[in-house]
């Protein structure tokens, strides 16, 4: 089995925590993985789509923090919709794109959400493989 961790690096401190949590969980299970880094959360669904068939599962890591504009809703909703659409097409994806009000909330959740997204991905891979 091989998993792809796809991280949005818009908030590097948060991304590092998420990536650490995800890597640690995969290493506990001795599962091979690759990592790719992207600018932001909106790029994650297209990257997964482009790499379908090359990995058994995917873990989306990123963070969207509410700002003063409508952009938060666009990024949060469209990245989640893109990941859900790919999941409904049969791809195993664990989603840890945090959508939070502030950086403190993100830092509080980041590492644990990385771990949980790996667990979700692995469960979906098991279901897919029957």
Protein backbone atom coordinates (compact mmCIF):
# COMPACT_ATOMS: atom_id res chain seq x y z
CA UNK A 1 0.00 0.00 0.00
CA UNK A 2 1.16 3.53 -0.75
CA UNK A 3 -0.49 6.74 0.42
CA UNK A 4 0.00 10.29 -0.84
CA UNK A 5 0.03 13.11 1.69
CA UNK A 6 -0.92 16.33 -0.06
CA UNK A 7 -0.27 19.43 1.98
CA UNK A 8 -1.27 23.03 1.38
CA UNK A 9 1.59 25.19 2.70
CA UNK A 10 -0.30 28.50 2.98
CA UNK A 11 0.20 28.41 6.77
CA UNK A 12 3.58 26.66 7.19
CA UNK A 13 3.46 26.28 10.99
CA UNK A 14 0.06 24.57 10.81
CA UNK A 15 1.07 22.50 7.79
CA UNK A 16 4.13 21.20 9.63
CA UNK A 17 2.00 19.99 12.55
CA UNK A 18 -0.52 18.30 10.26
CA UNK A 19 2.23 16.62 8.26
CA UNK A 20 3.96 15.41 11.42
CA UNK A 21 0.72 13.87 12.70
CA UNK A 22 -0.01 12.17 9.38
CA UNK A 23 3.55 10.86 8.91
CA UNK A 24 3.71 9.53 12.46
CA UNK A 25 0.45 7.63 12.01
CA UNK A 26 1.59 6.07 8.73
CA UNK A 27 4.96 5.15 10.22
CA UNK A 28 3.18 3.42 13.13
CA UNK A 29 1.52 1.17 10.54
CA UNK A 30 4.67 0.79 8.39
CA UNK A 31 2.83 2.17 5.38
CA UNK A 32 4.78 3.77 2.53
CA UNK A 33 3.94 7.32 1.59
CA UNK A 34 4.96 10.25 -0.55
CA UNK A 35 4.43 13.94 0.18
CA UNK A 36 3.67 16.75 -2.22
CA UNK A 37 3.29 20.39 -1.25
CA UNK A 38 0.95 22.85 -2.89
CA UNK A 39 0.21 26.54 -2.45
CA UNK A 40 -3.28 26.21 -1.00
CA UNK A 41 -6.32 24.08 -0.32
CA UNK A 42 -8.01 24.74 -3.67
CA UNK A 43 -5.17 22.97 -5.47
CA UNK A 44 -5.59 19.73 -3.53
CA UNK A 45 -8.60 18.21 -5.36
CA UNK A 46 -7.12 18.75 -8.84
CA UNK A 47 -3.80 17.23 -7.71
CA UNK A 48 -5.61 14.16 -6.36
CA UNK A 49 -7.50 13.85 -9.62
CA UNK A 50 -4.29 14.08 -11.65
CA UNK A 51 -2.62 11.40 -9.51
CA UNK A 52 -5.50 8.93 -9.30
CA UNK A 53 -4.39 5.39 -9.96
CA UNK A 54 -0.86 6.01 -8.69
CA UNK A 55 -1.71 5.67 -4.99
CA UNK A 56 -4.02 3.53 -2.90
CA UNK A 57 -5.23 6.53 -0.94
CA UNK A 58 -4.78 10.23 -0.34
CA UNK A 59 -4.64 12.47 2.70
CA UNK A 60 -5.51 16.14 2.22
CA UNK A 61 -3.77 18.46 4.69
CA UNK A 62 -4.41 22.17 4.83
CA UNK A 63 -5.99 25.04 6.68
CA UNK A 64 -8.44 27.80 5.82
CA UNK A 65 -8.74 30.58 8.40
CA UNK A 66 -11.72 32.91 8.27
CA UNK A 67 -10.78 36.40 7.18
CA UNK A 68 -12.73 39.53 6.45
CA UNK A 69 -13.86 38.53 2.96
CA UNK A 70 -16.02 35.90 1.30
CA UNK A 71 -12.87 34.11 0.11
CA UNK A 72 -12.93 31.87 3.21
CA UNK A 73 -16.28 30.36 2.17
CA UNK A 74 -15.14 29.79 -1.39
CA UNK A 75 -11.93 28.02 -0.41
CA UNK A 76 -13.51 26.01 2.43
CA UNK A 77 -16.57 24.95 0.45
CA UNK A 78 -14.94 24.28 -2.89
CA UNK A 79 -12.00 22.29 -1.51
CA UNK A 80 -14.43 20.15 0.52
CA UNK A 81 -16.73 19.73 -2.48
CA UNK A 82 -13.84 18.72 -4.71
CA UNK A 83 -12.63 16.13 -2.23
CA UNK A 84 -16.15 14.77 -1.69
CA UNK A 85 -16.72 14.50 -5.45
CA UNK A 86 -13.50 12.50 -5.83
CA UNK A 87 -14.47 10.29 -2.91
CA UNK A 88 -17.83 9.58 -4.50
CA UNK A 89 -15.93 8.51 -7.62
CA UNK A 90 -14.27 5.82 -5.52
CA UNK A 91 -11.03 7.42 -4.36
CA UNK A 92 -9.97 6.85 -0.74
CA UNK A 93 -9.34 10.31 0.72
CA UNK A 94 -8.88 11.40 4.31
CA UNK A 95 -9.69 15.10 4.62
CA UNK A 96 -7.83 17.22 7.16
CA UNK A 97 -8.37 20.60 5.59
CA UNK A 98 -9.14 22.58 8.71
CA UNK A 99 -11.70 25.37 8.49
CA UNK A 100 -11.29 27.56 11.55
CA UNK A 101 -11.95 31.03 12.87
CA UNK A 102 -8.38 31.80 13.91
CA UNK A 103 -4.82 30.50 14.04
CA UNK A 104 -5.12 29.38 17.67
CA UNK A 105 -7.95 26.98 16.74
CA UNK A 106 -5.86 25.58 13.91
CA UNK A 107 -2.76 25.05 16.04
CA UNK A 108 -4.88 23.30 18.66
CA UNK A 109 -6.23 20.79 16.12
CA UNK A 110 -3.55 20.42 13.46
CA UNK A 111 -1.49 17.41 14.54
CA UNK A 112 -4.45 15.34 15.71
CA UNK A 113 -6.42 16.06 12.52
CA UNK A 114 -3.47 14.86 10.45
CA UNK A 115 -3.60 11.54 12.31
CA UNK A 116 -7.37 11.27 11.98
CA UNK A 117 -7.25 11.92 8.25
CA UNK A 118 -4.78 9.06 7.82
CA UNK A 119 -7.09 6.76 9.79
CA UNK A 120 -10.06 7.81 7.62
CA UNK A 121 -8.04 7.20 4.45
CA UNK A 122 -6.94 3.75 5.60
CA UNK A 123 -10.51 2.80 6.48
CA UNK A 124 -11.65 3.82 3.01
CA UNK A 125 -8.81 1.87 1.39
CA UNK A 126 -9.94 -1.21 3.35
CA UNK A 127 -13.54 -0.74 2.21
CA UNK A 128 -12.46 -0.26 -1.40
CA UNK A 129 -10.26 -3.35 -1.35
CA UNK A 130 -13.00 -5.41 0.29
